[in-house]
Amino acid sequence: MSSQSFSRPGAVDLSAFNGAGQAQQAAPGAAGGGYVIDVTEATFQSEVLTRSMSVPVVIDFWATWCEPCKTLSPILERLAAQYEGRFVLAKIDVDANQAIAQAAQVQSIPTVVAVLRGQLVPLFQGAIPEAQAQQVIDQLLQMAVANGVAGRSDPIPGAGGAAEASSPEEEAEEPIDPRFEAAYDAINAGDFDKAAEAYRQVLADAPADAEAKAGLAQVELLRRTAGADPAAALAAADAAPADVEAQLLAADIEVVSGRVDQAFDRLIGTVRRVFGDDRERVRARVVELFDIVGGADPRVVKARSALASALF
């Protein structure tokens, strides 16, 4: 998981996306003012595109079920506070804002991009160390100046990440469960085999641990999709509905890109078409993806009912 090189804006033009007609409202930000904002399809035009005309906007694409996101997001939030308005951090939940993720061609999360003058600049995918993230931000700010985007944002009312947020009165960050430190370190290093083994060690002592089960499923998902060509995999699956391997890979890719409903529909449809060992493999994969997304998620509740209907 290394950062990608970048030199100029314009890799993807987001100017056509304005969120018009979206009823979704912005998620509430932290009290006070700062430089970290929650962005939705309804607020993307004003909070990202318009703002990017004068100040660099860095977008953190994340999801609640994404384990690497839990490591990377606090790093980006600390940098936003440290740089005091030289860039604004926009956090976008890919599950709730799929149209933005698709417009930005997000293929896995966490994905971090910048927007300068309405143009998208890919930065990196995956969790990276704080020192490396800071280097990427420094390069971005140099490029922003070269492209005439050298403004500084005032603290944004209702946003998080203000410099004063580091005061002693600030609510302390939730500590990392020490049982999972080895797994998180391995994920950050891109060593999925080692991460999976760390989760298995936790499960050996606590077989019912929901967080360990979800973490292991997440690592297996990352391992299966590493190196895959998303567009080619989805095209292959659509061209061969009876190809179980193609359907499994396509569903994995849809989950990592935030298209959870589509992944569940794909696999449950496959369950209806195949039999025997193939049906059991697909059923098991659906259940594994349920663990990743979370059993209480409404999409999982709906899909669980549909899976039961398909099986019985």
C-alpha atoms as a PDB file:
ATOM      1  CA  MET A   1       0.000   0.000   0.000  1.00  0.00           C
ATOM      2  CA  SER A   2       2.100   2.857  -1.238  1.00  0.00           C
ATOM      3  CA  SER A   3       1.251   6.348  -2.338  1.00  0.00           C
ATOM      4  CA  GLN A   4       0.792   7.038  -6.019  1.00  0.00           C
ATOM      5  CA  SER A   5       2.786   9.763  -7.757  1.00  0.00           C
ATOM      6  CA  PHE A   6       0.929  12.809  -9.031  1.00  0.00           C
ATOM      7  CA  SER A   7       1.923  15.942 -10.898  1.00  0.00           C
ATOM      8  CA  ARG A   8      -1.128  17.858 -12.053  1.00  0.00           C
ATOM      9  CA  PRO A   9      -4.900  18.083 -11.562  1.00  0.00           C
ATOM     10  CA  GLY A  10      -7.403  16.825 -14.073  1.00  0.00           C
ATOM     11  CA  ALA A  11      -7.068  13.034 -13.942  1.00  0.00           C
ATOM     12  CA  VAL A  12     -10.817  12.890 -13.358  1.00  0.00           C
ATOM     13  CA  ASP A  13     -13.138  15.838 -13.955  1.00  0.00           C
ATOM     14  CA  LEU A  14     -15.703  16.122 -11.163  1.00  0.00           C
ATOM     15  CA  SER A  15     -17.230  19.371 -12.376  1.00  0.00           C
ATOM     16  CA  ALA A  16     -20.280  17.600 -13.804  1.00  0.00           C
ATOM     17  CA  PHE A  17     -21.168  16.170 -10.404  1.00  0.00           C
ATOM     18  CA  ASN A  18     -23.165  18.639  -8.348  1.00  0.00           C
ATOM     19  CA  GLY A  19     -25.421  16.408  -6.270  1.00  0.00           C
ATOM     20  CA  ALA A  20     -28.497  18.092  -7.671  1.00  0.00           C
ATOM     21  CA  GLY A  21     -31.751  16.594  -6.552  1.00  0.00           C
ATOM     22  CA  GLN A  22     -30.233  14.653  -3.662  1.00  0.00           C
ATOM     23  CA  ALA A  23     -32.364  14.705  -0.540  1.00  0.00           C
ATOM     24  CA  GLN A  24     -29.564  13.512   1.706  1.00  0.00           C
ATOM     25  CA  GLN A  25     -28.387  15.961   4.348  1.00  0.00           C
ATOM     26  CA  ALA A  26     -24.886  16.555   5.615  1.00  0.00           C
ATOM     27  CA  ALA A  27     -23.813  14.562   8.596  1.00  0.00           C
ATOM     28  CA  PRO A  28     -23.323  16.685  11.717  1.00  0.00           C
ATOM     29  CA  GLY A  29     -19.776  17.856  12.334  1.00  0.00           C
ATOM     30  CA  ALA A  30     -17.940  18.350  15.571  1.00  0.00           C
ATOM     31  CA  ALA A  31     -18.800  21.299  17.796  1.00  0.00           C
ATOM     32  CA  GLY A  32     -16.923  24.551  17.146  1.00  0.00           C
ATOM     33  CA  GLY A  33     -14.894  25.220  14.007  1.00  0.00           C
ATOM     34  CA  GLY A  34     -12.173  23.267  12.273  1.00  0.00           C
ATOM     35  CA  TYR A  35     -10.950  21.846   8.994  1.00  0.00           C
ATOM     36  CA  VAL A  36     -12.596  18.402   8.814  1.00  0.00           C
ATOM     37  CA  ILE A  37     -16.046  18.149   7.256  1.00  0.00           C
ATOM     38  CA  ASP A  38     -18.496  15.366   6.490  1.00  0.00           C
ATOM     39  CA  VAL A  39     -19.619  15.607   2.872  1.00  0.00           C
ATOM     40  CA  THR A  40     -22.636  14.044   1.165  1.00  0.00           C
ATOM     41  CA  GLU A  41     -23.971  14.049  -2.371  1.00  0.00           C
ATOM     42  CA  ALA A  42     -26.175  17.002  -1.404  1.00  0.00           C
ATOM     43  CA  THR A  43     -23.258  19.131  -0.187  1.00  0.00           C
ATOM     44  CA  PHE A  44     -20.489  18.029  -2.555  1.00  0.00           C
ATOM     45  CA  GLN A  45     -20.857  21.013  -4.894  1.00  0.00           C
ATOM     46  CA  SER A  46     -20.523  23.664  -2.196  1.00  0.00           C
ATOM     47  CA  GLU A  47     -18.235  21.916   0.268  1.00  0.00           C
ATOM     48  CA  VAL A  48     -15.768  20.413  -2.216  1.00  0.00           C
ATOM     49  CA  LEU A  49     -15.994  21.772  -5.772  1.00  0.00           C
ATOM     50  CA  THR A  50     -16.605  25.416  -4.911  1.00  0.00           C
ATOM     51  CA  ARG A  51     -14.178  25.392  -1.986  1.00  0.00           C
ATOM     52  CA  SER A  52     -11.455  23.792  -4.156  1.00  0.00           C
ATOM     53  CA  MET A  53     -11.287  26.921  -6.311  1.00  0.00           C
ATOM     54  CA  SER A  54      -9.344  28.665  -3.541  1.00  0.00           C
ATOM     55  CA  VAL A  55      -8.228  25.983  -1.050  1.00  0.00           C
ATOM     56  CA  PRO A  56      -7.027  22.405  -1.677  1.00  0.00           C
ATOM     57  CA  VAL A  57      -9.607  19.838  -0.560  1.00  0.00           C
ATOM     58  CA  VAL A  58      -8.412  16.378   0.429  1.00  0.00           C
ATOM     59  CA  ILE A  59     -11.090  13.655   0.318  1.00  0.00           C
ATOM     60  CA  ASP A  60     -10.948  10.620   2.579  1.00  0.00           C
ATOM     61  CA  PHE A  61     -13.195   7.888   1.141  1.00  0.00           C
ATOM     62  CA  TRP A  62     -14.069   5.507   3.985  1.00  0.00           C
ATOM     63  CA  ALA A  63     -16.724   3.137   5.360  1.00  0.00           C
ATOM     64  CA  THR A  64     -17.678   2.044   8.857  1.00  0.00           C
ATOM     65  CA  TRP A  65     -16.655  -1.574   8.175  1.00  0.00           C
ATOM     66  CA  CYS A  66     -13.214  -0.702   6.745  1.00  0.00           C
ATOM     67  CA  GLU A  67     -10.459  -1.654   9.200  1.00  0.00           C
ATOM     68  CA  PRO A  68      -7.583   0.255   7.467  1.00  0.00           C
ATOM     69  CA  CYS A  69      -9.808   3.357   7.475  1.00  0.00           C
ATOM     70  CA  LYS A  70      -9.792   3.291  11.275  1.00  0.00           C
ATOM     71  CA  THR A  71      -6.027   3.751  11.181  1.00  0.00           C
ATOM     72  CA  LEU A  72      -5.774   6.274   8.359  1.00  0.00           C
ATOM     73  CA  SER A  73      -8.642   8.663   9.156  1.00  0.00           C
ATOM     74  CA  PRO A  74      -7.203   9.860  12.513  1.00  0.00           C
ATOM     75  CA  ILE A  75      -3.863  10.518  10.779  1.00  0.00           C
ATOM     76  CA  LEU A  76      -5.517  12.716   8.152  1.00  0.00           C
ATOM     77  CA  GLU A  77      -7.555  14.518  10.808  1.00  0.00           C
ATOM     78  CA  ARG A  78      -4.405  15.306  12.799  1.00  0.00           C
ATOM     79  CA  LEU A  79      -2.718  16.663   9.666  1.00  0.00           C
ATOM     80  CA  ALA A  80      -5.745  18.843   8.882  1.00  0.00           C
ATOM     81  CA  ALA A  81      -5.486  20.383  12.349  1.00  0.00           C
ATOM     82  CA  GLN A  82      -1.706  20.740  12.079  1.00  0.00           C
ATOM     83  CA  TYR A  83      -1.864  22.589   8.730  1.00  0.00           C
ATOM     84  CA  GLU A  84      -4.519  24.985  10.075  1.00  0.00           C
ATOM     85  CA  GLY A  85      -6.536  25.598   6.932  1.00  0.00           C
ATOM     86  CA  ARG A  86      -3.907  25.124   4.232  1.00  0.00           C
ATOM     87  CA  PHE A  87      -6.170  22.274   3.136  1.00  0.00           C
ATOM     88  CA  VAL A  88      -9.636  21.073   4.138  1.00  0.00           C
ATOM     89  CA  LEU A  89     -10.283  17.391   4.810  1.00  0.00           C
ATOM     90  CA  ALA A  90     -13.591  16.130   3.416  1.00  0.00           C
ATOM     91  CA  LYS A  91     -14.738  12.742   4.714  1.00  0.00           C
ATOM     92  CA  ILE A  92     -17.061  10.776   2.422  1.00  0.00           C
ATOM     93  CA  ASP A  93     -18.760   7.531   3.453  1.00  0.00           C
ATOM     94  CA  VAL A  94     -18.781   5.452   0.254  1.00  0.00           C
ATOM     95  CA  ASP A  95     -21.750   3.367   1.399  1.00  0.00           C
ATOM     96  CA  ALA A  96     -23.953   6.430   1.821  1.00  0.00           C
ATOM     97  CA  ASN A  97     -22.580   8.358  -1.178  1.00  0.00           C
ATOM     98  CA  GLN A  98     -22.035   5.844  -3.955  1.00  0.00           C
ATOM     99  CA  ALA A  99     -22.497   8.371  -6.771  1.00  0.00           C
ATOM    100  CA  ILE A 100     -19.496  10.392  -5.580  1.00  0.00           C
ATOM    101  CA  ALA A 101     -17.372   7.257  -5.176  1.00  0.00           C
ATOM    102  CA  GLN A 102     -18.242   6.150  -8.692  1.00  0.00           C
ATOM    103  CA  ALA A 103     -17.556   9.613 -10.154  1.00  0.00           C
ATOM    104  CA  ALA A 104     -14.136   9.571  -8.472  1.00  0.00           C
ATOM    105  CA  GLN A 105     -13.513   6.023  -9.753  1.00  0.00           C
ATOM    106  CA  VAL A 106     -12.920   4.682  -6.237  1.00  0.00           C
ATOM    107  CA  GLN A 107     -12.001   0.993  -6.511  1.00  0.00           C
ATOM    108  CA  SER A 108     -11.059   0.225  -2.907  1.00  0.00           C
ATOM    109  CA  ILE A 109     -10.955   1.959   0.447  1.00  0.00           C
ATOM    110  CA  PRO A 110      -9.448   3.815   2.045  1.00  0.00           C
ATOM    111  CA  THR A 111      -8.788   5.978  -0.997  1.00  0.00           C
ATOM    112  CA  VAL A 112      -7.481   9.521  -0.650  1.00  0.00           C
ATOM    113  CA  VAL A 113      -7.705  12.097  -3.430  1.00  0.00           C
ATOM    114  CA  ALA A 114      -7.418  15.864  -3.681  1.00  0.00           C
ATOM    115  CA  VAL A 115      -9.545  18.347  -5.581  1.00  0.00           C
ATOM    116  CA  LEU A 116      -8.000  21.495  -7.060  1.00  0.00           C
ATOM    117  CA  ARG A 117     -10.159  23.907  -9.064  1.00  0.00           C
ATOM    118  CA  GLY A 118     -12.795  21.207  -9.456  1.00  0.00           C
ATOM    119  CA  GLN A 119     -10.308  18.672 -10.803  1.00  0.00           C
ATOM    120  CA  LEU A 120      -9.481  15.421  -9.036  1.00  0.00           C
ATOM    121  CA  VAL A 121      -5.884  14.488  -8.202  1.00  0.00           C
ATOM    122  CA  PRO A 122      -5.336  10.862  -7.098  1.00  0.00           C
ATOM    123  CA  LEU A 123      -3.107  10.670  -4.016  1.00  0.00           C
ATOM    124  CA  PHE A 124      -2.997   7.125  -2.584  1.00  0.00           C
ATOM    125  CA  GLN A 125      -4.944   4.027  -1.634  1.00  0.00           C
ATOM    126  CA  GLY A 126      -4.651   2.090   1.608  1.00  0.00           C
ATOM    127  CA  ALA A 127      -3.442   3.109   5.051  1.00  0.00           C
ATOM    128  CA  ILE A 128       0.046   4.614   5.065  1.00  0.00           C
ATOM    129  CA  PRO A 129       2.267   5.877   7.921  1.00  0.00           C
ATOM    130  CA  GLU A 130       1.747   9.428   9.138  1.00  0.00           C
ATOM    131  CA  ALA A 131       5.165  10.600   7.932  1.00  0.00           C
ATOM    132  CA  GLN A 132       4.392   9.367   4.431  1.00  0.00           C
ATOM    133  CA  ALA A 133       0.936  10.961   4.465  1.00  0.00           C
ATOM    134  CA  GLN A 134       2.516  14.256   5.488  1.00  0.00           C
ATOM    135  CA  GLN A 135       4.957  14.048   2.574  1.00  0.00           C
ATOM    136  CA  VAL A 136       2.029  13.542   0.186  1.00  0.00           C
ATOM    137  CA  ILE A 137       0.233  16.560   1.650  1.00  0.00           C
ATOM    138  CA  ASP A 138       3.370  18.687   1.328  1.00  0.00           C
ATOM    139  CA  GLN A 139       3.696  17.710  -2.349  1.00  0.00           C
ATOM    140  CA  LEU A 140       0.020  18.479  -2.887  1.00  0.00           C
ATOM    141  CA  LEU A 141       0.370  21.945  -1.370  1.00  0.00           C
ATOM    142  CA  GLN A 142       3.355  22.691  -3.615  1.00  0.00           C
ATOM    143  CA  MET A 143       1.336  21.631  -6.643  1.00  0.00           C
ATOM    144  CA  ALA A 144      -1.619  23.701  -5.445  1.00  0.00           C
ATOM    145  CA  VAL A 145       0.527  26.853  -5.328  1.00  0.00           C
ATOM    146  CA  ALA A 146       1.833  26.092  -8.820  1.00  0.00           C
ATOM    147  CA  ASN A 147      -1.758  25.853 -10.029  1.00  0.00           C
ATOM    148  CA  GLY A 148      -2.892  29.052  -8.341  1.00  0.00           C
ATOM    149  CA  VAL A 149      -4.700  27.457  -5.405  1.00  0.00           C
ATOM    150  CA  ALA A 150      -2.881  28.975  -2.460  1.00  0.00           C
ATOM    151  CA  GLY A 151      -5.688  30.093  -0.164  1.00  0.00           C
ATOM    152  CA  ARG A 152      -6.128  29.197   3.476  1.00  0.00           C
ATOM    153  CA  SER A 153      -9.481  28.212   4.962  1.00  0.00           C
ATOM    154  CA  ASP A 154     -10.812  29.853   8.069  1.00  0.00           C
ATOM    155  CA  PRO A 155     -12.099  27.379  10.676  1.00  0.00           C
ATOM    156  CA  ILE A 156     -15.391  26.026   9.347  1.00  0.00           C
ATOM    157  CA  PRO A 157     -18.348  26.304  11.732  1.00  0.00           C
ATOM    158  CA  GLY A 158     -19.502  22.869  12.817  1.00  0.00           C
ATOM    159  CA  ALA A 159     -16.374  21.156  11.476  1.00  0.00           C
ATOM    160  CA  GLY A 160     -13.825  19.120  13.397  1.00  0.00           C
ATOM    161  CA  GLY A 161     -10.043  19.225  13.358  1.00  0.00           C
ATOM    162  CA  ALA A 162      -9.466  22.716  14.744  1.00  0.00           C
ATOM    163  CA  ALA A 163      -6.066  23.299  16.256  1.00  0.00           C
ATOM    164  CA  GLU A 164      -7.596  23.789  19.664  1.00  0.00           C
ATOM    165  CA  ALA A 165      -9.037  20.280  19.446  1.00  0.00           C
ATOM    166  CA  SER A 166      -5.778  18.965  20.846  1.00  0.00           C
ATOM    167  CA  SER A 167      -6.359  20.711  24.166  1.00  0.00           C
ATOM    168  CA  PRO A 168      -6.452  18.666  27.369  1.00  0.00           C
ATOM    169  CA  GLU A 169     -10.212  19.077  27.527  1.00  0.00           C
ATOM    170  CA  GLU A 170     -10.636  17.215  24.229  1.00  0.00           C
ATOM    171  CA  GLU A 171     -12.268  13.841  24.457  1.00  0.00           C
ATOM    172  CA  ALA A 172      -9.527  11.218  24.196  1.00  0.00           C
ATOM    173  CA  GLU A 173      -9.378   9.008  21.106  1.00  0.00           C
ATOM    174  CA  GLU A 174     -10.671   5.512  21.611  1.00  0.00           C
ATOM    175  CA  PRO A 175      -7.614   3.342  22.266  1.00  0.00           C
ATOM    176  CA  ILE A 176      -6.795   0.487  19.916  1.00  0.00           C
ATOM    177  CA  ASP A 177      -7.601  -2.915  21.350  1.00  0.00           C
ATOM    178  CA  PRO A 178      -4.134  -4.368  22.035  1.00  0.00           C
ATOM    179  CA  ARG A 179      -5.311  -7.755  20.757  1.00  0.00           C
ATOM    180  CA  PHE A 180      -5.561  -6.280  17.265  1.00  0.00           C
ATOM    181  CA  GLU A 181      -2.396  -4.155  17.177  1.00  0.00           C
ATOM    182  CA  ALA A 182      -0.418  -6.824  15.328  1.00  0.00           C
ATOM    183  CA  ALA A 183      -3.178  -7.179  12.735  1.00  0.00           C
ATOM    184  CA  TYR A 184      -3.447  -3.413  12.190  1.00  0.00           C
ATOM    185  CA  ASP A 185       0.327  -3.073  11.832  1.00  0.00           C
ATOM    186  CA  ALA A 186       0.375  -5.878   9.267  1.00  0.00           C
ATOM    187  CA  ILE A 187      -2.505  -4.333   7.300  1.00  0.00           C
ATOM    188  CA  ASN A 188      -0.700  -0.978   7.207  1.00  0.00           C
ATOM    189  CA  ALA A 189       2.395  -2.778   5.896  1.00  0.00           C
ATOM    190  CA  GLY A 190       0.342  -4.565   3.231  1.00  0.00           C
ATOM    191  CA  ASP A 191       1.101  -7.982   4.752  1.00  0.00           C
ATOM    192  CA  PHE A 192      -2.337  -9.569   4.596  1.00  0.00           C
ATOM    193  CA  ASP A 193      -1.068 -13.050   5.414  1.00  0.00           C
ATOM    194  CA  LYS A 194       0.410 -11.830   8.682  1.00  0.00           C
ATOM    195  CA  ALA A 195      -2.733  -9.832   9.465  1.00  0.00           C
ATOM    196  CA  ALA A 196      -4.931 -12.876   8.889  1.00  0.00           C
ATOM    197  CA  GLU A 197      -2.748 -14.950  11.198  1.00  0.00           C
ATOM    198  CA  ALA A 198      -3.008 -12.287  13.912  1.00  0.00           C
ATOM    199  CA  TYR A 199      -6.800 -12.354  13.726  1.00  0.00           C
ATOM    200  CA  ARG A 200      -6.807 -16.167  13.787  1.00  0.00           C
ATOM    201  CA  GLN A 201      -4.775 -16.095  16.988  1.00  0.00           C
ATOM    202  CA  VAL A 202      -7.429 -13.908  18.608  1.00  0.00           C
ATOM    203  CA  LEU A 203     -10.175 -16.233  17.385  1.00  0.00           C
ATOM    204  CA  ALA A 204      -8.320 -19.250  18.745  1.00  0.00           C
ATOM    205  CA  ASP A 205      -8.847 -17.798  22.232  1.00  0.00           C
ATOM    206  CA  ALA A 206     -12.252 -16.236  21.558  1.00  0.00           C
ATOM    207  CA  PRO A 207     -14.007 -18.020  18.663  1.00  0.00           C
ATOM    208  CA  ALA A 208     -17.134 -15.857  18.950  1.00  0.00           C
ATOM    209  CA  ASP A 209     -15.324 -12.484  18.905  1.00  0.00           C
ATOM    210  CA  ALA A 210     -17.328 -10.486  16.345  1.00  0.00           C
ATOM    211  CA  GLU A 211     -14.636  -7.856  15.774  1.00  0.00           C
ATOM    212  CA  ALA A 212     -11.965 -10.474  15.126  1.00  0.00           C
ATOM    213  CA  LYS A 213     -14.266 -12.345  12.737  1.00  0.00           C
ATOM    214  CA  ALA A 214     -15.021  -9.134  10.849  1.00  0.00           C
ATOM    215  CA  GLY A 215     -11.337  -8.199  10.774  1.00  0.00           C
ATOM    216  CA  LEU A 216     -10.336 -11.575   9.378  1.00  0.00           C
ATOM    217  CA  ALA A 217     -13.059 -11.362   6.747  1.00  0.00           C
ATOM    218  CA  GLN A 218     -11.863  -7.849   5.825  1.00  0.00           C
ATOM    219  CA  VAL A 219      -8.278  -9.047   5.396  1.00  0.00           C
ATOM    220  CA  GLU A 220      -9.372 -11.973   3.253  1.00  0.00           C
ATOM    221  CA  LEU A 221     -11.369  -9.541   1.122  1.00  0.00           C
ATOM    222  CA  LEU A 222      -8.346  -7.289   0.654  1.00  0.00           C
ATOM    223  CA  ARG A 223      -6.202 -10.290  -0.217  1.00  0.00           C
ATOM    224  CA  ARG A 224      -8.675 -11.565  -2.815  1.00  0.00           C
ATOM    225  CA  THR A 225      -9.003  -8.200  -4.556  1.00  0.00           C
ATOM    226  CA  ALA A 226      -5.336  -7.177  -4.469  1.00  0.00           C
ATOM    227  CA  GLY A 227      -4.091  -6.801  -8.023  1.00  0.00           C
ATOM    228  CA  ALA A 228      -7.493  -7.350  -9.623  1.00  0.00           C
ATOM    229  CA  ASP A 229      -8.642  -5.143 -12.508  1.00  0.00           C
ATOM    230  CA  PRO A 230     -12.086  -3.977 -11.312  1.00  0.00           C
ATOM    231  CA  ALA A 231     -13.496  -3.055 -14.712  1.00  0.00           C
ATOM    232  CA  ALA A 232     -12.339  -6.304 -16.319  1.00  0.00           C
ATOM    233  CA  ALA A 233     -13.589  -8.405 -13.413  1.00  0.00           C
ATOM    234  CA  LEU A 234     -17.047  -6.835 -13.457  1.00  0.00           C
ATOM    235  CA  ALA A 235     -17.292  -7.160 -17.237  1.00  0.00           C
ATOM    236  CA  ALA A 236     -16.287 -10.824 -17.054  1.00  0.00           C
ATOM    237  CA  ALA A 237     -18.898 -11.543 -14.401  1.00  0.00           C
ATOM    238  CA  ASP A 238     -21.652  -9.785 -16.312  1.00  0.00           C
ATOM    239  CA  ALA A 239     -20.747 -11.775 -19.436  1.00  0.00           C
ATOM    240  CA  ALA A 240     -20.807 -15.124 -17.614  1.00  0.00           C
ATOM    241  CA  PRO A 241     -23.584 -15.276 -14.983  1.00  0.00           C
ATOM    242  CA  ALA A 242     -22.936 -18.991 -14.363  1.00  0.00           C
ATOM    243  CA  ASP A 243     -19.205 -18.536 -13.710  1.00  0.00           C
ATOM    244  CA  VAL A 244     -19.018 -18.812  -9.925  1.00  0.00           C
ATOM    245  CA  GLU A 245     -15.416 -17.598  -9.639  1.00  0.00           C
ATOM    246  CA  ALA A 246     -16.220 -14.535 -11.725  1.00  0.00           C
ATOM    247  CA  GLN A 247     -19.278 -13.731  -9.600  1.00  0.00           C
ATOM    248  CA  LEU A 248     -17.343 -14.100  -6.350  1.00  0.00           C
ATOM    249  CA  LEU A 249     -14.576 -11.740  -7.480  1.00  0.00           C
ATOM    250  CA  ALA A 250     -17.030  -9.211  -8.875  1.00  0.00           C
ATOM    251  CA  ALA A 251     -18.963  -9.153  -5.596  1.00  0.00           C
ATOM    252  CA  ASP A 252     -15.737  -8.620  -3.651  1.00  0.00           C
ATOM    253  CA  ILE A 253     -14.859  -5.679  -5.874  1.00  0.00           C
ATOM    254  CA  GLU A 254     -18.324  -4.204  -5.464  1.00  0.00           C
ATOM    255  CA  VAL A 255     -18.016  -4.361  -1.670  1.00  0.00           C
ATOM    256  CA  VAL A 256     -14.595  -2.684  -1.540  1.00  0.00           C
ATOM    257  CA  SER A 257     -15.885   0.085  -3.823  1.00  0.00           C
ATOM    258  CA  GLY A 258     -18.941   0.672  -1.607  1.00  0.00           C
ATOM    259  CA  ARG A 259     -21.572  -1.016  -3.801  1.00  0.00           C
ATOM    260  CA  VAL A 260     -22.724  -3.369  -1.084  1.00  0.00           C
ATOM    261  CA  ASP A 261     -26.308  -3.835  -2.270  1.00  0.00           C
ATOM    262  CA  GLN A 262     -25.118  -4.758  -5.754  1.00  0.00           C
ATOM    263  CA  ALA A 263     -22.698  -7.318  -4.315  1.00  0.00           C
ATOM    264  CA  PHE A 264     -25.393  -8.980  -2.239  1.00  0.00           C
ATOM    265  CA  ASP A 265     -27.837  -9.011  -5.170  1.00  0.00           C
ATOM    266  CA  ARG A 266     -25.172 -10.558  -7.404  1.00  0.00           C
ATOM    267  CA  LEU A 267     -24.337 -13.385  -5.010  1.00  0.00           C
ATOM    268  CA  ILE A 268     -27.894 -14.142  -3.972  1.00  0.00           C
ATOM    269  CA  GLY A 269     -28.819 -14.303  -7.650  1.00  0.00           C
ATOM    270  CA  THR A 270     -25.932 -16.748  -8.124  1.00  0.00           C
ATOM    271  CA  VAL A 271     -27.219 -18.870  -5.245  1.00  0.00           C
ATOM    272  CA  ARG A 272     -30.489 -19.223  -7.143  1.00  0.00           C
ATOM    273  CA  ARG A 273     -28.683 -20.376 -10.309  1.00  0.00           C
ATOM    274  CA  VAL A 274     -26.161 -22.914  -9.011  1.00  0.00           C
ATOM    275  CA  PHE A 275     -26.300 -26.118  -6.974  1.00  0.00           C
ATOM    276  CA  GLY A 276     -24.256 -28.420  -4.758  1.00  0.00           C
ATOM    277  CA  ASP A 277     -20.761 -27.353  -3.746  1.00  0.00           C
ATOM    278  CA  ASP A 278     -20.925 -24.187  -5.851  1.00  0.00           C
ATOM    279  CA  ARG A 279     -24.050 -23.050  -4.033  1.00  0.00           C
ATOM    280  CA  GLU A 280     -22.407 -23.650  -0.652  1.00  0.00           C
ATOM    281  CA  ARG A 281     -19.303 -21.664  -1.690  1.00  0.00           C
ATOM    282  CA  VAL A 282     -21.419 -18.696  -2.721  1.00  0.00           C
ATOM    283  CA  ARG A 283     -23.561 -18.936   0.431  1.00  0.00           C
ATOM    284  CA  ALA A 284     -20.433 -18.941   2.603  1.00  0.00           C
ATOM    285  CA  ARG A 285     -19.066 -15.889   0.788  1.00  0.00           C
ATOM    286  CA  VAL A 286     -22.306 -13.985   1.331  1.00  0.00           C
ATOM    287  CA  VAL A 287     -22.149 -14.747   5.061  1.00  0.00           C
ATOM    288  CA  GLU A 288     -18.515 -13.614   5.160  1.00  0.00           C
ATOM    289  CA  LEU A 289     -19.475 -10.320   3.542  1.00  0.00           C
ATOM    290  CA  PHE A 290     -22.277  -9.955   6.099  1.00  0.00           C
ATOM    291  CA  ASP A 291     -19.583 -10.054   8.812  1.00  0.00           C
ATOM    292  CA  ILE A 292     -17.613  -7.304   7.064  1.00  0.00           C
ATOM    293  CA  VAL A 293     -20.541  -4.925   6.577  1.00  0.00           C
ATOM    294  CA  GLY A 294     -22.043  -5.672  10.021  1.00  0.00           C
ATOM    295  CA  GLY A 295     -24.989  -7.766  11.094  1.00  0.00           C
ATOM    296  CA  ALA A 296     -27.060  -4.755  12.194  1.00  0.00           C
ATOM    297  CA  ASP A 297     -26.645  -2.925   8.879  1.00  0.00           C
ATOM    298  CA  PRO A 298     -30.066  -2.610   7.162  1.00  0.00           C
ATOM    299  CA  ARG A 299     -28.576  -3.888   3.899  1.00  0.00           C
ATOM    300  CA  VAL A 300     -27.396  -7.038   5.668  1.00  0.00           C
ATOM    301  CA  VAL A 301     -30.779  -7.541   7.334  1.00  0.00           C
ATOM    302  CA  LYS A 302     -32.505  -7.276   3.960  1.00  0.00           C
ATOM    303  CA  ALA A 303     -29.972  -9.502   2.195  1.00  0.00           C
ATOM    304  CA  ARG A 304     -30.091 -12.128   4.943  1.00  0.00           C
ATOM    305  CA  SER A 305     -33.810 -12.504   4.366  1.00  0.00           C
ATOM    306  CA  ALA A 306     -33.303 -12.717   0.599  1.00  0.00           C
ATOM    307  CA  LEU A 307     -30.577 -15.337   1.057  1.00  0.00           C
ATOM    308  CA  ALA A 308     -32.847 -17.487   3.207  1.00  0.00           C
ATOM    309  CA  SER A 309     -35.536 -17.265   0.552  1.00  0.00           C
ATOM    310  CA  ALA A 310     -33.052 -18.246  -2.161  1.00  0.00           C
ATOM    311  CA  LEU A 311     -31.847 -21.245  -0.173  1.00  0.00           C
ATOM    312  CA  PHE A 312     -35.199 -22.583   0.984  1.00  0.00           C
END
